[in-house]
Protein backbone atom coordinates (compact mmCIF):
# COMPACT_ATOMS: atom_id res chain seq x y z
CA MET A 1 -4.77 21.92 1.31
CA ILE A 2 -2.62 20.31 -1.36
CA GLU A 3 0.13 19.79 1.21
CA SER A 4 -2.35 17.88 3.36
CA TYR A 5 -3.27 15.54 0.52
CA ALA A 6 0.38 15.14 -0.43
CA ALA A 7 1.24 14.18 3.15
CA GLY A 8 -1.58 11.65 3.10
CA ALA A 9 -0.41 10.21 -0.20
CA SER A 10 3.15 10.02 1.10
CA ALA A 11 2.00 8.18 4.22
CA ALA A 12 -0.08 5.79 2.11
CA TYR A 13 2.96 5.14 -0.11
CA GLU A 14 5.10 4.38 2.94
CA GLU A 15 2.46 1.95 4.22
CA SER A 16 2.29 0.26 0.81
CA LEU A 17 6.06 -0.03 0.73
CA ALA A 18 6.06 -1.64 4.19
CA ALA A 19 3.30 -4.04 3.11
CA ALA A 20 5.30 -4.98 0.00
CA ALA A 21 8.36 -5.68 2.12
CA ALA A 22 6.28 -7.84 4.49
CA LEU A 23 4.85 -9.71 1.51
CA LEU A 24 8.34 -10.39 0.17
CA VAL A 25 9.45 -11.77 3.54
CA ALA A 26 6.34 -13.96 3.82
CA VAL A 27 6.71 -15.35 0.28
CA ASP A 28 10.41 -16.04 0.83
CA ALA A 29 9.58 -17.88 4.06
CA MET A 30 6.94 -19.95 2.29
CA CYS A 31 9.34 -20.84 -0.53
CA GLU A 32 12.13 -21.77 1.87
CA ALA A 33 9.91 -23.82 4.17
CA PRO A 34 6.56 -24.71 2.60
CA SER A 35 3.90 -25.28 5.23
CA GLU A 36 0.28 -24.46 5.88
CA ALA A 37 1.33 -21.81 8.41
CA ASN A 38 3.71 -20.11 5.97
CA LEU A 39 1.09 -20.27 3.23
CA ALA A 40 -1.46 -18.64 5.54
CA ALA A 41 1.07 -15.95 6.46
CA ALA A 42 1.81 -15.26 2.79
CA ARG A 43 -1.89 -15.04 2.01
CA GLU A 44 -2.43 -12.58 4.87
CA ALA A 45 0.55 -10.50 3.72
CA TRP A 46 -0.97 -10.45 0.23
CA ARG A 47 -4.32 -9.25 1.61
CA MET A 48 -2.61 -6.47 3.55
CA PHE A 49 -0.62 -5.49 0.45
CA GLU A 50 -3.83 -5.28 -1.59
CA ILE A 51 -5.56 -3.16 1.06
CA ASP A 52 -2.59 -0.79 1.32
CA GLY A 53 -2.40 -0.55 -2.47
CA GLN A 54 -6.05 0.42 -2.66
CA MET A 55 -5.54 3.07 0.02
CA PHE A 56 -2.56 4.47 -1.89
CA SER A 57 -4.63 4.64 -5.08
CA MET A 58 -7.41 6.52 -3.30
CA LYS A 59 -4.97 9.04 -1.78
CA ALA A 60 -3.31 9.58 -5.16
CA ALA A 61 -6.70 10.14 -6.78
CA GLN A 62 -7.63 12.66 -4.08
CA LEU A 63 -4.37 14.52 -4.63
CA SER A 64 -4.94 14.60 -8.40
CA ALA A 65 -8.49 15.89 -7.98
CA CYS A 66 -7.35 18.51 -5.47
CA THR A 67 -4.60 19.69 -7.82
CA ILE A 68 -7.03 20.02 -10.73
CA ILE A 69 -9.52 21.96 -8.62
CA HIS A 70 -6.79 24.20 -7.21
CA GLN A 71 -5.48 25.00 -10.70
CA ALA A 72 -8.98 25.84 -11.90
CA PHE A 73 -9.28 28.60 -9.31
């Protein structure tokens, strides 16, 4: 069971890492060529980064709770 949560947390981390990379690219593009389109793209990348970060936090919390419960028994 712990392995399942760990795999989920790992996948969530990978998604967050990909979202962070996409955000970096979008912000760089906006800085290099400011425009409404690049600003909108950077804002969308930020929203996706926030969503992925929240998912990662939830998976990490599940793994922590599972570990505590497993150790109790």
